[in-house]
Amino acid sequence: MCVTAVESRPGGTSQALKALGEAGPVTSPAPVHRSFGARVKGFVALTKPRIIELLLITTVPVMFLAQQGVPDLGLVLLTCVGGYLSAGGANALNMYIDRDIDALMDRTSQRPLVTGLVSPRECLAFGITLAVVSTLLFGLTVNWLSAWLSLGALLFYVVVYTMILKRRTSQNIVWGGIAGCLPVLIGWSSVTNSMSWAPVILFLVMFFWTPPHYWPLSMKVREDYARVGVPMLPVIASNKVVARQIVIYSWVMVAVSLLLTPLGYTGWFYTVVAVAAGGFWLWEAHGLQNRAKAEATGGKLKEMRLFHWSITYVSILFVAVAVDPFLR
């Protein structure tokens, strides 16, 4: 189970970039000698725990919806642990594959492989181990449908997004984002061991949420992506074009989020929250488009307002998913 939501933590000027010169691509340094505690923190950092918090926000509420009440708490715990391990393995393997460009990007210059806190071999073994353990944990303690969905999300993120799409197409985050949508299906299947239209709708909400969540941050750090040749949409298109795409995806996302109620899966509470949160999202998206049309640059573009709101939006919407069954 993995996600495409991203950390917004800025990095300092990459030391690897300064050293690049005529020496060719930067390779990961040898592991540095640090304390045991620092090494543990390094391995935890490989899992990108802040991103996984968002993952669990989209998984656990769906379990409440599937149960139409409080699901078995042991099952919730096992699903969360399995999800963390799976997403952590995917993130570690992502860092292993991207260690060359991470060394050249400011926002990733302090990752454990770049600083030498963890070696590439250790990272690869760690990621594979987490992938195997998480799949077995899901299969043996939850159900095998959830296990295969979790493994599928991991492989999609690592192979399809990281290895195939990321460095080849500006649509990388659109289709690569599918990996981050699968936790919704996993939350439902962990309770029911089946599928239904409700998780499919929420899957689509996350699918259309991912590009307008990611592109504002990509606008902010476009120079990083341009430097390493990753064709994120803001690298190859103007702010006006990116903002227009953000608005289109935003309208579709909000419209899809409102389908749960007419299909009978949610009631008045979720509808009110979805309309209010979606309305504010659209206000922010159109605000960004208006600033882009006015050719605002730098701090005046305020693209990170939508990025930060996008995380709040998902949190609010999925909390409403969890609460709604108790108010019907």
Foldseek 3Di string as FASTA:
>chain_A
DAADFDDLAFFAQQPQQVVCPPVHFDAFDAADDDDPVVLVVLLVVLLVVVRLVLLLLLQQLLLLLLVLHDFDVVLSVLLSVLLSLLRSLLSLLLCLLCVRLLSRFRRNNPRCRNVNNDDSVRSNVSSVVSLVVSLCSCPVPQNNVLSVLSNVLSCLLNPVQRPPQFLPDQCSQLVSRLSSLSSLVSSNCSNVVDDDVVSVLSSLLSSLLRLLLPVLSCLVRVVSCVVVRGPHPVVVDALLVSLVSSLVSLVVSLVSQQVCVVVPSFDDQLNVQSCVLSVVLNVVSVLLNVCSVVVDDDVSSVSVVSNVSSSVSSSSNSVSSNCGSVVD
